[in-house]
Amino acid sequence: MLTCPFCGSPETDRLEVEGHRFLVFGCMFTPEVEPGLTDEEVAERLAHVFAPQGEGYFRRTCDRLHVYVAKGEGARILTGTPSPGSG
């Protein structure tokens, strides 16, 4: 079982979606990893790719989500005219 490189939370799930592999940790960190890597390779990749970024990773993620909801496709969905039968 792998652990989150930020907080050490244990892995809770692995998802395969349209050829992409995601790991889900108890803290809700959900990185995409290459399919076919061993657990050891994944742990090494997480340590080298995400851990050095620290809180900066989460700040950038929050900023991207904010833009998506405030100005991007999410805003168009949230503020657009509802389609017939959508609610």
PDB file of N, CA and C in Angstrom:
ATOM      1  N   MET A   1       0.852  -1.175   0.000  1.00  0.00           N
ATOM      2  CA  MET A   1       0.000   0.000   0.000  1.00  0.00           C
ATOM      3  C   MET A   1       0.894   1.233   0.000  1.00  0.00           C
ATOM      4  N   LEU A   2       0.551   2.207  -0.847  1.00  0.00           N
ATOM      5  CA  LEU A   2       1.318   3.429  -0.955  1.00  0.00           C
ATOM      6  C   LEU A   2       0.788   4.484   0.009  1.00  0.00           C
ATOM      7  N   THR A   3       1.579   5.516   0.250  1.00  0.00           N
ATOM      8  CA  THR A   3       1.152   6.612   1.117  1.00  0.00           C
ATOM      9  C   THR A   3       1.326   7.940   0.397  1.00  0.00           C
ATOM     10  N   CYS A   4       0.540   8.913   0.795  1.00  0.00           N
ATOM     11  CA  CYS A   4       0.584  10.249   0.215  1.00  0.00           C
ATOM     12  C   CYS A   4       1.956  10.875   0.476  1.00  0.00           C
ATOM     13  N   PRO A   5       2.584  11.450  -0.563  1.00  0.00           N
ATOM     14  CA  PRO A   5       3.897  12.061  -0.358  1.00  0.00           C
ATOM     15  C   PRO A   5       3.832  13.354   0.444  1.00  0.00           C
ATOM     16  N   PHE A   6       2.637  13.922   0.645  1.00  0.00           N
ATOM     17  CA  PHE A   6       2.492  15.156   1.392  1.00  0.00           C
ATOM     18  C   PHE A   6       2.237  14.918   2.873  1.00  0.00           C
ATOM     19  N   CYS A   7       1.280  14.007   3.160  1.00  0.00           N
ATOM     20  CA  CYS A   7       0.865  13.856   4.559  1.00  0.00           C
ATOM     21  C   CYS A   7       0.992  12.439   5.106  1.00  0.00           C
ATOM     22  N   GLY A   8       1.285  11.468   4.248  1.00  0.00           N
ATOM     23  CA  GLY A   8       1.436  10.092   4.705  1.00  0.00           C
ATOM     24  C   GLY A   8       0.147   9.298   4.801  1.00  0.00           C
ATOM     25  N   SER A   9      -0.976   9.864   4.352  1.00  0.00           N
ATOM     26  CA  SER A   9      -2.246   9.124   4.373  1.00  0.00           C
ATOM     27  C   SER A   9      -2.143   7.881   3.495  1.00  0.00           C
ATOM     28  N   PRO A  10      -2.754   6.791   3.911  1.00  0.00           N
ATOM     29  CA  PRO A  10      -2.676   5.567   3.108  1.00  0.00           C
ATOM     30  C   PRO A  10      -3.522   5.657   1.841  1.00  0.00           C
ATOM     31  N   GLU A  11      -3.119   4.892   0.855  1.00  0.00           N
ATOM     32  CA  GLU A  11      -3.878   4.766  -0.389  1.00  0.00           C
ATOM     33  C   GLU A  11      -5.196   4.074  -0.074  1.00  0.00           C
ATOM     34  N   THR A  12      -6.286   4.583  -0.643  1.00  0.00           N
ATOM     35  CA  THR A  12      -7.592   3.979  -0.392  1.00  0.00           C
ATOM     36  C   THR A  12      -8.193   3.329  -1.626  1.00  0.00           C
ATOM     37  N   ASP A  13      -7.719   3.733  -2.825  1.00  0.00           N
ATOM     38  CA  ASP A  13      -8.316   3.172  -4.036  1.00  0.00           C
ATOM     39  C   ASP A  13      -7.398   3.415  -5.226  1.00  0.00           C
ATOM     40  N   ARG A  14      -7.615   2.631  -6.267  1.00  0.00           N
ATOM     41  CA  ARG A  14      -6.953   2.812  -7.565  1.00  0.00           C
ATOM     42  C   ARG A  14      -8.036   2.797  -8.617  1.00  0.00           C
ATOM     43  N   LEU A  15      -7.995   3.792  -9.489  1.00  0.00           N
ATOM     44  CA  LEU A  15      -9.004   3.895 -10.531  1.00  0.00           C
ATOM     45  C   LEU A  15      -8.348   3.825 -11.898  1.00  0.00           C
ATOM     46  N   GLU A  16      -8.955   3.079 -12.793  1.00  0.00           N
ATOM     47  CA  GLU A  16      -8.538   3.021 -14.190  1.00  0.00           C
ATOM     48  C   GLU A  16      -9.674   3.653 -14.986  1.00  0.00           C
ATOM     49  N   VAL A  17      -9.391   4.785 -15.635  1.00  0.00           N
ATOM     50  CA  VAL A  17     -10.410   5.507 -16.384  1.00  0.00           C
ATOM     51  C   VAL A  17      -9.872   5.814 -17.772  1.00  0.00           C
ATOM     52  N   GLU A  18     -10.453   5.188 -18.775  1.00  0.00           N
ATOM     53  CA  GLU A  18     -10.102   5.431 -20.170  1.00  0.00           C
ATOM     54  C   GLU A  18      -8.591   5.398 -20.401  1.00  0.00           C
ATOM     55  N   GLY A  19      -7.959   4.372 -19.875  1.00  0.00           N
ATOM     56  CA  GLY A  19      -6.527   4.201 -20.072  1.00  0.00           C
ATOM     57  C   GLY A  19      -5.642   5.009 -19.141  1.00  0.00           C
ATOM     58  N   HIS A  20      -6.229   5.719 -18.204  1.00  0.00           N
ATOM     59  CA  HIS A  20      -5.467   6.501 -17.231  1.00  0.00           C
ATOM     60  C   HIS A  20      -5.633   5.859 -15.863  1.00  0.00           C
ATOM     61  N   ARG A  21      -4.572   5.898 -15.077  1.00  0.00           N
ATOM     62  CA  ARG A  21      -4.585   5.286 -13.743  1.00  0.00           C
ATOM     63  C   ARG A  21      -4.446   6.384 -12.691  1.00  0.00           C
ATOM     64  N   PHE A  22      -5.339   6.369 -11.720  1.00  0.00           N
ATOM     65  CA  PHE A  22      -5.322   7.346 -10.637  1.00  0.00           C
ATOM     66  C   PHE A  22      -5.242   6.613  -9.302  1.00  0.00           C
ATOM     67  N   LEU A  23      -4.477   7.175  -8.389  1.00  0.00           N
ATOM     68  CA  LEU A  23      -4.417   6.673  -7.019  1.00  0.00           C
ATOM     69  C   LEU A  23      -5.200   7.639  -6.144  1.00  0.00           C
ATOM     70  N   VAL A  24      -5.952   7.114  -5.200  1.00  0.00           N
ATOM     71  CA  VAL A  24      -6.703   7.951  -4.277  1.00  0.00           C
ATOM     72  C   VAL A  24      -6.172   7.688  -2.877  1.00  0.00           C
ATOM     73  N   PHE A  25      -5.812   8.762  -2.187  1.00  0.00           N
ATOM     74  CA  PHE A  25      -5.314   8.651  -0.818  1.00  0.00           C
ATOM     75  C   PHE A  25      -6.370   9.160   0.150  1.00  0.00           C
ATOM     76  N   GLY A  26      -6.271   8.775   1.407  1.00  0.00           N
ATOM     77  CA  GLY A  26      -7.235   9.159   2.433  1.00  0.00           C
ATOM     78  C   GLY A  26      -7.430  10.654   2.553  1.00  0.00           C
ATOM     79  N   CYS A  27      -6.430  11.434   2.193  1.00  0.00           N
ATOM     80  CA  CYS A  27      -6.508  12.889   2.277  1.00  0.00           C
ATOM     81  C   CYS A  27      -7.159  13.495   1.034  1.00  0.00           C
ATOM     82  N   MET A  28      -7.540  12.647   0.089  1.00  0.00           N
ATOM     83  CA  MET A  28      -8.180  13.005  -1.172  1.00  0.00           C
ATOM     84  C   MET A  28      -7.205  13.455  -2.256  1.00  0.00           C
ATOM     85  N   PHE A  29      -5.904  13.393  -2.014  1.00  0.00           N
ATOM     86  CA  PHE A  29      -4.922  13.635  -3.060  1.00  0.00           C
ATOM     87  C   PHE A  29      -5.067  12.494  -4.065  1.00  0.00           C
ATOM     88  N   THR A  30      -5.234  12.820  -5.345  1.00  0.00           N
ATOM     89  CA  THR A  30      -5.521  11.819  -6.368  1.00  0.00           C
ATOM     90  C   THR A  30      -4.636  12.058  -7.594  1.00  0.00           C
ATOM     91  N   PRO A  31      -3.382  11.632  -7.532  1.00  0.00           N
ATOM     92  CA  PRO A  31      -2.498  11.844  -8.674  1.00  0.00           C
ATOM     93  C   PRO A  31      -2.743  10.828  -9.780  1.00  0.00           C
ATOM     94  N   GLU A  32      -2.458  11.247 -11.009  1.00  0.00           N
ATOM     95  CA  GLU A  32      -2.463  10.317 -12.130  1.00  0.00           C
ATOM     96  C   GLU A  32      -1.067   9.728 -12.240  1.00  0.00           C
ATOM     97  N   VAL A  33      -0.990   8.422 -12.403  1.00  0.00           N
ATOM     98  CA  VAL A  33       0.299   7.747 -12.572  1.00  0.00           C
ATOM     99  C   VAL A  33       0.239   6.877 -13.818  1.00  0.00           C
ATOM    100  N   GLU A  34       1.394   6.584 -14.375  1.00  0.00           N
ATOM    101  CA  GLU A  34       1.445   5.777 -15.581  1.00  0.00           C
ATOM    102  C   GLU A  34       1.006   4.343 -15.281  1.00  0.00           C
ATOM    103  N   PRO A  35       0.132   3.797 -16.125  1.00  0.00           N
ATOM    104  CA  PRO A  35      -0.258   2.394 -15.944  1.00  0.00           C
ATOM    105  C   PRO A  35       0.972   1.495 -16.119  1.00  0.00           C
ATOM    106  N   GLY A  36       0.992   0.403 -15.403  1.00  0.00           N
ATOM    107  CA  GLY A  36       2.066  -0.578 -15.568  1.00  0.00           C
ATOM    108  C   GLY A  36       3.259  -0.395 -14.662  1.00  0.00           C
ATOM    109  N   LEU A  37       3.316   0.715 -13.913  1.00  0.00           N
ATOM    110  CA  LEU A  37       4.431   0.898 -12.982  1.00  0.00           C
ATOM    111  C   LEU A  37       4.212   0.028 -11.748  1.00  0.00           C
ATOM    112  N   THR A  38       5.294  -0.468 -11.179  1.00  0.00           N
ATOM    113  CA  THR A  38       5.197  -1.204  -9.917  1.00  0.00           C
ATOM    114  C   THR A  38       4.943  -0.220  -8.785  1.00  0.00           C
ATOM    115  N   ASP A  39       4.528  -0.726  -7.637  1.00  0.00           N
ATOM    116  CA  ASP A  39       4.316   0.147  -6.474  1.00  0.00           C
ATOM    117  C   ASP A  39       5.594   0.900  -6.116  1.00  0.00           C
ATOM    118  N   GLU A  40       6.725   0.235  -6.230  1.00  0.00           N
ATOM    119  CA  GLU A  40       7.999   0.880  -5.909  1.00  0.00           C
ATOM    120  C   GLU A  40       8.281   2.026  -6.875  1.00  0.00           C
ATOM    121  N   GLU A  41       8.006   1.811  -8.151  1.00  0.00           N
ATOM    122  CA  GLU A  41       8.214   2.856  -9.149  1.00  0.00           C
ATOM    123  C   GLU A  41       7.246   4.022  -8.935  1.00  0.00           C
ATOM    124  N   VAL A  42       6.008   3.703  -8.588  1.00  0.00           N
ATOM    125  CA  VAL A  42       5.021   4.751  -8.324  1.00  0.00           C
ATOM    126  C   VAL A  42       5.449   5.570  -7.109  1.00  0.00           C
ATOM    127  N   ALA A  43       5.861   4.909  -6.037  1.00  0.00           N
ATOM    128  CA  ALA A  43       6.292   5.623  -4.832  1.00  0.00           C
ATOM    129  C   ALA A  43       7.463   6.552  -5.142  1.00  0.00           C
ATOM    130  N   GLU A  44       8.404   6.062  -5.928  1.00  0.00           N
ATOM    131  CA  GLU A  44       9.553   6.882  -6.302  1.00  0.00           C
ATOM    132  C   GLU A  44       9.100   8.084  -7.133  1.00  0.00           C
ATOM    133  N   ARG A  45       8.205   7.843  -8.081  1.00  0.00           N
ATOM    134  CA  ARG A  45       7.699   8.923  -8.930  1.00  0.00           C
ATOM    135  C   ARG A  45       6.971   9.975  -8.096  1.00  0.00           C
ATOM    136  N   LEU A  46       6.115   9.533  -7.168  1.00  0.00           N
ATOM    137  CA  LEU A  46       5.387  10.479  -6.321  1.00  0.00           C
ATOM    138  C   LEU A  46       6.344  11.313  -5.486  1.00  0.00           C
ATOM    139  N   ALA A  47       7.361  10.657  -4.947  1.00  0.00           N
ATOM    140  CA  ALA A  47       8.337  11.368  -4.110  1.00  0.00           C
ATOM    141  C   ALA A  47       9.106  12.405  -4.914  1.00  0.00           C
ATOM    142  N   HIS A  48       9.435  12.089  -6.156  1.00  0.00           N
ATOM    143  CA  HIS A  48      10.238  13.004  -6.966  1.00  0.00           C
ATOM    144  C   HIS A  48       9.415  14.083  -7.659  1.00  0.00           C
ATOM    145  N   VAL A  49       8.187  13.759  -8.026  1.00  0.00           N
ATOM    146  CA  VAL A  49       7.380  14.718  -8.781  1.00  0.00           C
ATOM    147  C   VAL A  49       6.579  15.644  -7.876  1.00  0.00           C
ATOM    148  N   PHE A  50       5.936  15.087  -6.848  1.00  0.00           N
ATOM    149  CA  PHE A  50       5.021  15.889  -6.051  1.00  0.00           C
ATOM    150  C   PHE A  50       5.605  16.422  -4.755  1.00  0.00           C
ATOM    151  N   ALA A  51       6.307  15.602  -4.005  1.00  0.00           N
ATOM    152  CA  ALA A  51       6.780  16.018  -2.690  1.00  0.00           C
ATOM    153  C   ALA A  51       7.610  17.301  -2.718  1.00  0.00           C
ATOM    154  N   PRO A  52       8.541  17.482  -3.668  1.00  0.00           N
ATOM    155  CA  PRO A  52       9.322  18.725  -3.669  1.00  0.00           C
ATOM    156  C   PRO A  52       8.475  19.978  -3.908  1.00  0.00           C
ATOM    157  N   GLN A  53       7.295  19.812  -4.513  1.00  0.00           N
ATOM    158  CA  GLN A  53       6.445  20.966  -4.787  1.00  0.00           C
ATOM    159  C   GLN A  53       5.714  21.451  -3.539  1.00  0.00           C
ATOM    160  N   GLY A  54       5.577  20.562  -2.559  1.00  0.00           N
ATOM    161  CA  GLY A  54       4.941  20.929  -1.298  1.00  0.00           C
ATOM    162  C   GLY A  54       3.602  21.613  -1.478  1.00  0.00           C
ATOM    163  N   GLU A  55       3.373  22.649  -0.664  1.00  0.00           N
ATOM    164  CA  GLU A  55       2.099  23.348  -0.704  1.00  0.00           C
ATOM    165  C   GLU A  55       1.882  24.089  -2.019  1.00  0.00           C
ATOM    166  N   GLY A  56       2.951  24.372  -2.753  1.00  0.00           N
ATOM    167  CA  GLY A  56       2.820  25.035  -4.045  1.00  0.00           C
ATOM    168  C   GLY A  56       1.955  24.245  -5.001  1.00  0.00           C
ATOM    169  N   TYR A  57       2.026  22.926  -4.920  1.00  0.00           N
ATOM    170  CA  TYR A  57       1.202  22.065  -5.777  1.00  0.00           C
ATOM    171  C   TYR A  57      -0.280  22.344  -5.519  1.00  0.00           C
ATOM    172  N   PHE A  58      -0.665  22.393  -4.249  1.00  0.00           N
ATOM    173  CA  PHE A  58      -2.062  22.598  -3.906  1.00  0.00           C
ATOM    174  C   PHE A  58      -2.512  24.019  -4.228  1.00  0.00           C
ATOM    175  N   ARG A  59      -1.630  24.999  -4.059  1.00  0.00           N
ATOM    176  CA  ARG A  59      -1.970  26.382  -4.409  1.00  0.00           C
ATOM    177  C   ARG A  59      -2.267  26.490  -5.905  1.00  0.00           C
ATOM    178  N   ARG A  60      -1.432  25.895  -6.739  1.00  0.00           N
ATOM    179  CA  ARG A  60      -1.652  25.928  -8.185  1.00  0.00           C
ATOM    180  C   ARG A  60      -2.928  25.186  -8.562  1.00  0.00           C
ATOM    181  N   THR A  61      -3.191  24.056  -7.905  1.00  0.00           N
ATOM    182  CA  THR A  61      -4.410  23.298  -8.181  1.00  0.00           C
ATOM    183  C   THR A  61      -5.633  24.124  -7.819  1.00  0.00           C
ATOM    184  N   CYS A  62      -5.625  24.772  -6.674  1.00  0.00           N
ATOM    185  CA  CYS A  62      -6.750  25.617  -6.256  1.00  0.00           C
ATOM    186  C   CYS A  62      -6.941  26.775  -7.230  1.00  0.00           C
ATOM    187  N   ASP A  63      -5.836  27.374  -7.678  1.00  0.00           N
ATOM    188  CA  ASP A  63      -5.935  28.480  -8.632  1.00  0.00           C
ATOM    189  C   ASP A  63      -6.560  28.026  -9.941  1.00  0.00           C
ATOM    190  N   ARG A  64      -6.161  26.850 -10.443  1.00  0.00           N
ATOM    191  CA  ARG A  64      -6.741  26.333 -11.687  1.00  0.00           C
ATOM    192  C   ARG A  64      -8.231  26.045 -11.519  1.00  0.00           C
ATOM    193  N   LEU A  65      -8.614  25.476 -10.380  1.00  0.00           N
ATOM    194  CA  LEU A  65     -10.029  25.202 -10.140  1.00  0.00           C
ATOM    195  C   LEU A  65     -10.832  26.494 -10.039  1.00  0.00           C
ATOM    196  N   HIS A  66     -10.243  27.506  -9.408  1.00  0.00           N
ATOM    197  CA  HIS A  66     -10.921  28.788  -9.279  1.00  0.00           C
ATOM    198  C   HIS A  66     -11.175  29.392 -10.663  1.00  0.00           C
ATOM    199  N   VAL A  67     -10.177  29.392 -11.527  1.00  0.00           N
ATOM    200  CA  VAL A  67     -10.341  29.920 -12.880  1.00  0.00           C
ATOM    201  C   VAL A  67     -11.392  29.125 -13.636  1.00  0.00           C
ATOM    202  N   TYR A  68     -11.385  27.814 -13.494  1.00  0.00           N
ATOM    203  CA  TYR A  68     -12.365  26.961 -14.170  1.00  0.00           C
ATOM    204  C   TYR A  68     -13.783  27.338 -13.755  1.00  0.00           C
ATOM    205  N   VAL A  69     -14.002  27.534 -12.464  1.00  0.00           N
ATOM    206  CA  VAL A  69     -15.345  27.827 -11.962  1.00  0.00           C
ATOM    207  C   VAL A  69     -15.719  29.294 -12.177  1.00  0.00           C
ATOM    208  N   ALA A  70     -14.752  30.203 -12.089  1.00  0.00           N
ATOM    209  CA  ALA A  70     -15.059  31.627 -12.185  1.00  0.00           C
ATOM    210  C   ALA A  70     -15.082  32.146 -13.621  1.00  0.00           C
ATOM    211  N   LYS A  71     -14.218  31.607 -14.489  1.00  0.00           N
ATOM    212  CA  LYS A  71     -14.092  32.169 -15.829  1.00  0.00           C
ATOM    213  C   LYS A  71     -14.131  31.141 -16.952  1.00  0.00           C
ATOM    214  N   GLY A  72     -13.936  29.892 -16.627  1.00  0.00           N
ATOM    215  CA  GLY A  72     -13.810  28.871 -17.662  1.00  0.00           C
ATOM    216  C   GLY A  72     -15.084  28.115 -17.923  1.00  0.00           C
ATOM    217  N   GLU A  73     -14.910  26.880 -18.365  1.00  0.00           N
ATOM    218  CA  GLU A  73     -16.040  26.022 -18.714  1.00  0.00           C
ATOM    219  C   GLU A  73     -16.995  25.834 -17.536  1.00  0.00           C
ATOM    220  N   GLY A  74     -16.458  25.721 -16.347  1.00  0.00           N
ATOM    221  CA  GLY A  74     -17.306  25.568 -15.164  1.00  0.00           C
ATOM    222  C   GLY A  74     -18.231  26.749 -14.974  1.00  0.00           C
ATOM    223  N   ALA A  75     -17.731  27.965 -15.223  1.00  0.00           N
ATOM    224  CA  ALA A  75     -18.563  29.166 -15.096  1.00  0.00           C
ATOM    225  C   ALA A  75     -19.675  29.152 -16.130  1.00  0.00           C
ATOM    226  N   ARG A  76     -19.352  28.731 -17.350  1.00  0.00           N
ATOM    227  CA  ARG A  76     -20.379  28.673 -18.391  1.00  0.00           C
ATOM    228  C   ARG A  76     -21.466  27.661 -18.029  1.00  0.00           C
ATOM    229  N   ILE A  77     -21.063  26.558 -17.430  1.00  0.00           N
ATOM    230  CA  ILE A  77     -22.040  25.548 -17.011  1.00  0.00           C
ATOM    231  C   ILE A  77     -22.910  26.087 -15.882  1.00  0.00           C
ATOM    232  N   LEU A  78     -22.264  26.723 -14.897  1.00  0.00           N
ATOM    233  CA  LEU A  78     -22.980  27.189 -13.720  1.00  0.00           C
ATOM    234  C   LEU A  78     -23.880  28.400 -13.998  1.00  0.00           C
ATOM    235  N   THR A  79     -23.502  29.257 -14.939  1.00  0.00           N
ATOM    236  CA  THR A  79     -24.258  30.483 -15.170  1.00  0.00           C
ATOM    237  C   THR A  79     -25.068  30.456 -16.459  1.00  0.00           C
ATOM    238  N   GLY A  80     -24.929  29.397 -17.230  1.00  0.00           N
ATOM    239  CA  GLY A  80     -25.656  29.311 -18.495  1.00  0.00           C
ATOM    240  C   GLY A  80     -27.121  28.989 -18.306  1.00  0.00           C
ATOM    241  N   THR A  81     -27.842  29.069 -19.387  1.00  0.00           N
ATOM    242  CA  THR A  81     -29.263  28.738 -19.380  1.00  0.00           C
ATOM    243  C   THR A  81     -29.415  27.226 -19.249  1.00  0.00           C
ATOM    244  N   PRO A  82     -30.190  26.777 -18.275  1.00  0.00           N
ATOM    245  CA  PRO A  82     -30.376  25.334 -18.112  1.00  0.00           C
ATOM    246  C   PRO A  82     -31.015  24.715 -19.354  1.00  0.00           C
ATOM    247  N   SER A  83     -30.595  23.539 -19.690  1.00  0.00           N
ATOM    248  CA  SER A  83     -31.203  22.833 -20.811  1.00  0.00           C
ATOM    249  C   SER A  83     -32.526  22.234 -20.361  1.00  0.00           C
ATOM    250  N   PRO A  84     -33.445  22.060 -21.294  1.00  0.00           N
ATOM    251  CA  PRO A  84     -34.747  21.480 -20.941  1.00  0.00           C
ATOM    252  C   PRO A  84     -34.601  20.145 -20.202  1.00  0.00           C
ATOM    253  N   GLY A  85     -35.323  20.009 -19.117  1.00  0.00           N
ATOM    254  CA  GLY A  85     -35.309  18.763 -18.360  1.00  0.00           C
ATOM    255  C   GLY A  85     -34.101  18.577 -17.470  1.00  0.00           C
ATOM    256  N   SER A  86     -33.258  19.627 -17.311  1.00  0.00           N
ATOM    257  CA  SER A  86     -32.050  19.483 -16.483  1.00  0.00           C
ATOM    258  C   SER A  86     -32.301  19.808 -15.028  1.00  0.00           C
ATOM    259  N   GLY A  87     -33.464  20.241 -14.679  1.00  0.00           N
ATOM    260  CA  GLY A  87     -33.645  20.515 -13.278  1.00  0.00           C
ATOM    261  C   GLY A  87     -34.874  21.235 -13.026  1.00  0.00           C
TER     262      GLY A  87
END
